[in-house]
Amino acid sequence: MSSVKCQISISVDGFVAGPNQSIDNPIGEGGMRLHEWVFGTESWRALQGLDGGSASPDSDVISEAMAGIGAHIMGRKMFGGGDGPWDETWTGWWGDDPPFHTDVFVLTHHERAPLSLHDTTFTFVTDGVESALQQARAAAQGKDVAIAGGASVVRQYLAAGLLDELYLHIVPIVLGAGERIFDDVGDVALEPVNVVASPAVTHIRYRVVR
């Protein structure tokens, strides 16, 4: 069976988003600092259809983490567009060519018809994390399923015992407040599989022990 994986940037004090999250700033104040390390990497730029970037250990980690992904799962906040019934003019943050290049399953409390943009189809799932995973596995056709975020969705999959691998990109900043992924997930044990360090970030790939 395919694996269920998540990769996420996290501050040294344990936050994956900053304080005062909002519709316009879903990763909170200072949250973008968690992701600055990735923007100049060759592999990330290639995923966006861009040339250039640095061939570095960080770039190699992104290539490894993204390899073999056949479907993604994300939450309503990551897709964006606000709470409540959908404003169907909202089609996400990514424009007409989203960087996922797979089917994406969006956890939500409100029904919406599937949305196809270029080679990505967003399917909106209203009956929970297990249903979303079942649909994602079918769409992935034997490849792995990536839990894209945000923090609440990662917590739900950890708490349900449905996550196989967690790749933390530990950024050497202190946010002081915000949103965590390890709150209220129960007794979770992580086994380090690989560690890669660079001047910008430390990457630790964990197997989730059940």
C-alpha atoms as a PDB file:
ATOM      1  CA  MET A   1       0.000   0.000   0.000  1.00  0.00           C
ATOM      2  CA  SER A   2       1.168   3.527  -0.708  1.00  0.00           C
ATOM      3  CA  SER A   3       2.500   5.715   2.099  1.00  0.00           C
ATOM      4  CA  VAL A   4       0.857   8.794   3.577  1.00  0.00           C
ATOM      5  CA  LYS A   5       3.439  11.545   3.939  1.00  0.00           C
ATOM      6  CA  CYS A   6       3.687  15.115   5.147  1.00  0.00           C
ATOM      7  CA  GLN A   7       6.460  17.658   4.855  1.00  0.00           C
ATOM      8  CA  ILE A   8       6.180  20.951   6.702  1.00  0.00           C
ATOM      9  CA  SER A   9       8.399  23.813   7.849  1.00  0.00           C
ATOM     10  CA  ILE A  10       8.472  24.450  11.583  1.00  0.00           C
ATOM     11  CA  SER A  11      10.159  26.981  13.868  1.00  0.00           C
ATOM     12  CA  VAL A  12      12.543  25.865  16.601  1.00  0.00           C
ATOM     13  CA  ASP A  13       9.839  26.670  19.143  1.00  0.00           C
ATOM     14  CA  GLY A  14       7.370  24.383  17.402  1.00  0.00           C
ATOM     15  CA  PHE A  15       5.114  26.625  15.299  1.00  0.00           C
ATOM     16  CA  VAL A  16       4.137  25.962  11.678  1.00  0.00           C
ATOM     17  CA  ALA A  17       2.248  29.262  11.333  1.00  0.00           C
ATOM     18  CA  GLY A  18       2.576  32.603  13.058  1.00  0.00           C
ATOM     19  CA  PRO A  19       0.018  34.394  15.241  1.00  0.00           C
ATOM     20  CA  ASN A  20      -3.020  36.331  14.006  1.00  0.00           C
ATOM     21  CA  GLN A  21      -3.846  34.149  11.015  1.00  0.00           C
ATOM     22  CA  SER A  22      -6.487  35.606   8.720  1.00  0.00           C
ATOM     23  CA  ILE A  23      -8.105  35.039   5.344  1.00  0.00           C
ATOM     24  CA  ASP A  24      -5.563  37.372   3.752  1.00  0.00           C
ATOM     25  CA  ASN A  25      -2.617  36.013   5.762  1.00  0.00           C
ATOM     26  CA  PRO A  26      -3.329  32.315   6.433  1.00  0.00           C
ATOM     27  CA  ILE A  27       0.179  31.543   7.724  1.00  0.00           C
ATOM     28  CA  GLY A  28       0.086  34.362  10.256  1.00  0.00           C
ATOM     29  CA  GLU A  29       2.482  37.124  11.188  1.00  0.00           C
ATOM     30  CA  GLY A  30       6.043  36.057  10.481  1.00  0.00           C
ATOM     31  CA  GLY A  31       4.896  32.758   9.017  1.00  0.00           C
ATOM     32  CA  MET A  32       6.464  33.408   5.621  1.00  0.00           C
ATOM     33  CA  ARG A  33       9.888  33.299   7.291  1.00  0.00           C
ATOM     34  CA  LEU A  34       9.363  29.549   7.687  1.00  0.00           C
ATOM     35  CA  HIS A  35       9.356  29.101   3.926  1.00  0.00           C
ATOM     36  CA  GLU A  36      11.963  31.532   2.642  1.00  0.00           C
ATOM     37  CA  TRP A  37      14.623  28.776   2.520  1.00  0.00           C
ATOM     38  CA  VAL A  38      12.768  26.948  -0.240  1.00  0.00           C
ATOM     39  CA  PHE A  39      12.106  29.724  -2.743  1.00  0.00           C
ATOM     40  CA  GLY A  40      15.600  29.866  -4.222  1.00  0.00           C
ATOM     41  CA  THR A  41      16.051  26.118  -4.645  1.00  0.00           C
ATOM     42  CA  GLU A  42      16.307  24.612  -8.087  1.00  0.00           C
ATOM     43  CA  SER A  43      13.769  21.883  -7.363  1.00  0.00           C
ATOM     44  CA  TRP A  44      11.109  24.253  -5.983  1.00  0.00           C
ATOM     45  CA  ARG A  45      11.488  26.602  -8.929  1.00  0.00           C
ATOM     46  CA  ALA A  46      11.146  23.664 -11.316  1.00  0.00           C
ATOM     47  CA  LEU A  47       7.848  22.692  -9.663  1.00  0.00           C
ATOM     48  CA  GLN A  48       6.603  26.223 -10.391  1.00  0.00           C
ATOM     49  CA  GLY A  49       7.704  25.952 -14.026  1.00  0.00           C
ATOM     50  CA  LEU A  50      10.634  28.324 -13.436  1.00  0.00           C
ATOM     51  CA  ASP A  51      14.271  28.050 -14.451  1.00  0.00           C
ATOM     52  CA  GLY A  52      17.328  28.623 -12.283  1.00  0.00           C
ATOM     53  CA  GLY A  53      17.737  28.278  -8.551  1.00  0.00           C
ATOM     54  CA  SER A  54      20.431  26.690  -6.439  1.00  0.00           C
ATOM     55  CA  ALA A  55      21.384  23.025  -6.585  1.00  0.00           C
ATOM     56  CA  SER A  56      21.874  22.511  -2.849  1.00  0.00           C
ATOM     57  CA  PRO A  57      21.148  20.005  -0.078  1.00  0.00           C
ATOM     58  CA  ASP A  58      17.874  21.879   0.480  1.00  0.00           C
ATOM     59  CA  SER A  59      16.968  21.436  -3.173  1.00  0.00           C
ATOM     60  CA  ASP A  60      17.778  17.719  -2.958  1.00  0.00           C
ATOM     61  CA  VAL A  61      15.480  17.375   0.061  1.00  0.00           C
ATOM     62  CA  ILE A  62      12.590  18.966  -1.833  1.00  0.00           C
ATOM     63  CA  SER A  63      13.158  16.593  -4.759  1.00  0.00           C
ATOM     64  CA  GLU A  64      13.168  13.613  -2.396  1.00  0.00           C
ATOM     65  CA  ALA A  65      10.077  14.743  -0.492  1.00  0.00           C
ATOM     66  CA  MET A  66       8.059  15.347  -3.664  1.00  0.00           C
ATOM     67  CA  ALA A  67       9.074  12.169  -5.491  1.00  0.00           C
ATOM     68  CA  GLY A  68       6.388   9.556  -6.011  1.00  0.00           C
ATOM     69  CA  ILE A  69       3.424  11.708  -4.914  1.00  0.00           C
ATOM     70  CA  GLY A  70       0.209  10.720  -6.658  1.00  0.00           C
ATOM     71  CA  ALA A  71      -2.355  12.824  -4.779  1.00  0.00           C
ATOM     72  CA  HIS A  72      -2.560  15.590  -2.177  1.00  0.00           C
ATOM     73  CA  ILE A  73      -4.895  16.332   0.743  1.00  0.00           C
ATOM     74  CA  MET A  74      -5.329  19.801   2.222  1.00  0.00           C
ATOM     75  CA  GLY A  75      -7.674  21.750   4.458  1.00  0.00           C
ATOM     76  CA  ARG A  76     -10.114  24.522   3.684  1.00  0.00           C
ATOM     77  CA  LYS A  77      -7.796  27.182   5.110  1.00  0.00           C
ATOM     78  CA  MET A  78      -4.915  26.116   2.883  1.00  0.00           C
ATOM     79  CA  PHE A  79      -7.134  26.245  -0.195  1.00  0.00           C
ATOM     80  CA  GLY A  80      -8.425  29.605   1.030  1.00  0.00           C
ATOM     81  CA  GLY A  81     -11.539  31.559   0.235  1.00  0.00           C
ATOM     82  CA  GLY A  82     -12.860  32.095   3.760  1.00  0.00           C
ATOM     83  CA  ASP A  83     -15.274  30.164   5.962  1.00  0.00           C
ATOM     84  CA  GLY A  84     -18.890  29.204   5.364  1.00  0.00           C
ATOM     85  CA  PRO A  85     -20.531  28.322   2.039  1.00  0.00           C
ATOM     86  CA  TRP A  86     -18.186  28.588  -0.901  1.00  0.00           C
ATOM     87  CA  ASP A  87     -17.722  31.666  -3.038  1.00  0.00           C
ATOM     88  CA  GLU A  88     -17.087  29.705  -6.213  1.00  0.00           C
ATOM     89  CA  THR A  89     -15.257  32.589  -7.832  1.00  0.00           C
ATOM     90  CA  TRP A  90     -12.412  31.644  -5.451  1.00  0.00           C
ATOM     91  CA  THR A  91     -10.143  29.108  -7.169  1.00  0.00           C
ATOM     92  CA  GLY A  92      -7.199  29.007  -4.764  1.00  0.00           C
ATOM     93  CA  TRP A  93      -3.940  30.887  -4.329  1.00  0.00           C
ATOM     94  CA  TRP A  94      -2.103  29.348  -7.275  1.00  0.00           C
ATOM     95  CA  GLY A  95      -3.620  30.760 -10.460  1.00  0.00           C
ATOM     96  CA  ASP A  96      -4.560  28.717 -13.519  1.00  0.00           C
ATOM     97  CA  ASP A  97      -1.662  26.251 -13.199  1.00  0.00           C
ATOM     98  CA  PRO A  98      -1.376  25.033  -9.564  1.00  0.00           C
ATOM     99  CA  PRO A  99       1.948  23.425  -8.606  1.00  0.00           C
ATOM    100  CA  PHE A 100       0.462  20.102  -7.456  1.00  0.00           C
ATOM    101  CA  HIS A 101       0.051  18.341 -10.853  1.00  0.00           C
ATOM    102  CA  THR A 102      -2.108  15.666  -9.175  1.00  0.00           C
ATOM    103  CA  ASP A 103      -5.621  15.370  -7.842  1.00  0.00           C
ATOM    104  CA  VAL A 104      -6.067  17.377  -4.613  1.00  0.00           C
ATOM    105  CA  PHE A 105      -8.694  16.556  -1.990  1.00  0.00           C
ATOM    106  CA  VAL A 106      -9.841  19.519   0.114  1.00  0.00           C
ATOM    107  CA  LEU A 107     -11.395  18.829   3.539  1.00  0.00           C
ATOM    108  CA  THR A 108     -14.360  21.128   4.098  1.00  0.00           C
ATOM    109  CA  HIS A 109     -17.761  21.303   5.807  1.00  0.00           C
ATOM    110  CA  HIS A 110     -19.429  22.751   2.708  1.00  0.00           C
ATOM    111  CA  GLU A 111     -20.155  21.003  -0.581  1.00  0.00           C
ATOM    112  CA  ARG A 112     -18.662  22.251  -3.809  1.00  0.00           C
ATOM    113  CA  ALA A 113     -18.350  20.735  -7.283  1.00  0.00           C
ATOM    114  CA  PRO A 114     -14.870  19.579  -8.342  1.00  0.00           C
ATOM    115  CA  LEU A 115     -12.645  22.273  -9.812  1.00  0.00           C
ATOM    116  CA  SER A 116     -10.136  21.475 -12.568  1.00  0.00           C
ATOM    117  CA  LEU A 117      -7.254  23.838 -13.312  1.00  0.00           C
ATOM    118  CA  HIS A 118      -4.725  22.681 -15.901  1.00  0.00           C
ATOM    119  CA  ASP A 119      -3.603  19.204 -14.730  1.00  0.00           C
ATOM    120  CA  THR A 120      -4.881  19.567 -11.145  1.00  0.00           C
ATOM    121  CA  THR A 121      -8.414  18.683 -10.050  1.00  0.00           C
ATOM    122  CA  PHE A 122      -9.595  19.828  -6.614  1.00  0.00           C
ATOM    123  CA  THR A 123     -12.260  17.578  -5.072  1.00  0.00           C
ATOM    124  CA  PHE A 124     -14.054  18.923  -1.999  1.00  0.00           C
ATOM    125  CA  VAL A 125     -14.617  16.272   0.673  1.00  0.00           C
ATOM    126  CA  THR A 126     -17.229  16.796   3.383  1.00  0.00           C
ATOM    127  CA  ASP A 127     -17.214  13.391   5.129  1.00  0.00           C
ATOM    128  CA  GLY A 128     -13.902  13.419   6.961  1.00  0.00           C
ATOM    129  CA  VAL A 129     -10.237  12.494   6.859  1.00  0.00           C
ATOM    130  CA  GLU A 130     -10.699   8.775   6.227  1.00  0.00           C
ATOM    131  CA  SER A 131     -12.933   9.395   3.207  1.00  0.00           C
ATOM    132  CA  ALA A 132     -10.467  11.929   1.827  1.00  0.00           C
ATOM    133  CA  LEU A 133      -7.626   9.430   2.228  1.00  0.00           C
ATOM    134  CA  GLN A 134      -9.604   6.636   0.576  1.00  0.00           C
ATOM    135  CA  GLN A 135     -10.345   8.876  -2.409  1.00  0.00           C
ATOM    136  CA  ALA A 136      -6.754  10.122  -2.563  1.00  0.00           C
ATOM    137  CA  ARG A 137      -5.349   6.579  -2.523  1.00  0.00           C
ATOM    138  CA  ALA A 138      -7.609   5.628  -5.409  1.00  0.00           C
ATOM    139  CA  ALA A 139      -6.542   8.699  -7.384  1.00  0.00           C
ATOM    140  CA  ALA A 140      -2.845   8.111  -6.607  1.00  0.00           C
ATOM    141  CA  GLN A 141      -2.944   4.670  -8.266  1.00  0.00           C
ATOM    142  CA  GLY A 142      -0.274   3.135  -6.071  1.00  0.00           C
ATOM    143  CA  LYS A 143       1.795   6.279  -5.557  1.00  0.00           C
ATOM    144  CA  ASP A 144       2.082   8.062  -2.203  1.00  0.00           C
ATOM    145  CA  VAL A 145      -0.420  10.525  -0.753  1.00  0.00           C
ATOM    146  CA  ALA A 146       0.878  13.864   0.581  1.00  0.00           C
ATOM    147  CA  ILE A 147      -0.837  15.743   3.400  1.00  0.00           C
ATOM    148  CA  ALA A 148      -0.170  19.286   2.224  1.00  0.00           C
ATOM    149  CA  GLY A 149      -1.543  21.134   5.276  1.00  0.00           C
ATOM    150  CA  GLY A 150      -2.447  23.210   7.064  1.00  0.00           C
ATOM    151  CA  ALA A 151      -1.686  22.454  10.679  1.00  0.00           C
ATOM    152  CA  SER A 152      -5.198  21.299  11.610  1.00  0.00           C
ATOM    153  CA  VAL A 153      -5.238  18.699   8.844  1.00  0.00           C
ATOM    154  CA  VAL A 154      -1.803  17.379   9.805  1.00  0.00           C
ATOM    155  CA  ARG A 155      -2.994  17.083  13.419  1.00  0.00           C
ATOM    156  CA  GLN A 156      -6.095  15.171  12.356  1.00  0.00           C
ATOM    157  CA  TYR A 157      -4.098  12.612  10.386  1.00  0.00           C
ATOM    158  CA  LEU A 158      -1.557  12.226  13.190  1.00  0.00           C
ATOM    159  CA  ALA A 159      -4.298  11.780  15.792  1.00  0.00           C
ATOM    160  CA  ALA A 160      -6.101   9.234  13.608  1.00  0.00           C
ATOM    161  CA  GLY A 161      -2.922   7.173  13.175  1.00  0.00           C
ATOM    162  CA  LEU A 162      -3.083   7.590   9.397  1.00  0.00           C
ATOM    163  CA  LEU A 163       0.262   9.316   8.773  1.00  0.00           C
ATOM    164  CA  ASP A 164       3.266   7.146   7.885  1.00  0.00           C
ATOM    165  CA  GLU A 165       6.027   9.715   7.434  1.00  0.00           C
ATOM    166  CA  LEU A 166       6.638  13.254   8.685  1.00  0.00           C
ATOM    167  CA  TYR A 167       9.416  15.372   7.145  1.00  0.00           C
ATOM    168  CA  LEU A 168      10.113  18.398   9.341  1.00  0.00           C
ATOM    169  CA  HIS A 169      12.075  21.324   7.923  1.00  0.00           C
ATOM    170  CA  ILE A 170      13.282  23.009  11.132  1.00  0.00           C
ATOM    171  CA  VAL A 171      13.974  26.697  10.509  1.00  0.00           C
ATOM    172  CA  PRO A 172      16.231  28.515  13.013  1.00  0.00           C
ATOM    173  CA  ILE A 173      13.732  31.190  13.991  1.00  0.00           C
ATOM    174  CA  VAL A 174      11.531  31.724  17.064  1.00  0.00           C
ATOM    175  CA  LEU A 175       7.953  32.808  16.343  1.00  0.00           C
ATOM    176  CA  GLY A 176       6.832  32.901  19.977  1.00  0.00           C
ATOM    177  CA  ALA A 177       3.184  32.159  19.150  1.00  0.00           C
ATOM    178  CA  GLY A 178       1.014  30.761  16.392  1.00  0.00           C
ATOM    179  CA  GLU A 179      -0.214  27.309  15.433  1.00  0.00           C
ATOM    180  CA  ARG A 180       1.382  23.959  16.263  1.00  0.00           C
ATOM    181  CA  ILE A 181       0.977  20.526  14.693  1.00  0.00           C
ATOM    182  CA  PHE A 182       1.623  18.428  17.805  1.00  0.00           C
ATOM    183  CA  ASP A 183      -1.128  19.791  20.069  1.00  0.00           C
ATOM    184  CA  ASP A 184      -3.862  17.272  20.931  1.00  0.00           C
ATOM    185  CA  VAL A 185      -2.567  14.450  18.720  1.00  0.00           C
ATOM    186  CA  GLY A 186      -2.265  11.878  21.493  1.00  0.00           C
ATOM    187  CA  ASP A 187       0.694   9.565  22.060  1.00  0.00           C
ATOM    188  CA  VAL A 188       2.724   9.853  18.838  1.00  0.00           C
ATOM    189  CA  ALA A 189       6.202   8.345  18.552  1.00  0.00           C
ATOM    190  CA  LEU A 190       8.596   9.425  15.798  1.00  0.00           C
ATOM    191  CA  GLU A 191      11.635   7.479  14.612  1.00  0.00           C
ATOM    192  CA  PRO A 192      14.313   9.512  12.772  1.00  0.00           C
ATOM    193  CA  VAL A 193      15.150   8.050   9.362  1.00  0.00           C
ATOM    194  CA  ASN A 194      17.391  10.729   7.879  1.00  0.00           C
ATOM    195  CA  VAL A 195      18.861  14.115   8.824  1.00  0.00           C
ATOM    196  CA  VAL A 196      20.139  16.732   6.370  1.00  0.00           C
ATOM    197  CA  ALA A 197      21.540  20.055   7.596  1.00  0.00           C
ATOM    198  CA  SER A 198      22.223  23.267   5.716  1.00  0.00           C
ATOM    199  CA  PRO A 199      22.966  26.834   6.862  1.00  0.00           C
ATOM    200  CA  ALA A 200      19.280  27.702   6.332  1.00  0.00           C
ATOM    201  CA  VAL A 201      17.364  24.747   7.754  1.00  0.00           C
ATOM    202  CA  THR A 202      17.671  21.291   9.302  1.00  0.00           C
ATOM    203  CA  HIS A 203      15.609  18.565   7.650  1.00  0.00           C
ATOM    204  CA  ILE A 204      14.588  15.515   9.685  1.00  0.00           C
ATOM    205  CA  ARG A 205      12.595  12.715   8.072  1.00  0.00           C
ATOM    206  CA  TYR A 206      10.659  10.681  10.645  1.00  0.00           C
ATOM    207  CA  ARG A 207       8.746   7.435  10.424  1.00  0.00           C
ATOM    208  CA  VAL A 208       5.575   7.589  12.510  1.00  0.00           C
ATOM    209  CA  VAL A 209       5.688   4.627  14.902  1.00  0.00           C
ATOM    210  CA  ARG A 210       2.393   2.909  15.688  1.00  0.00           C
END
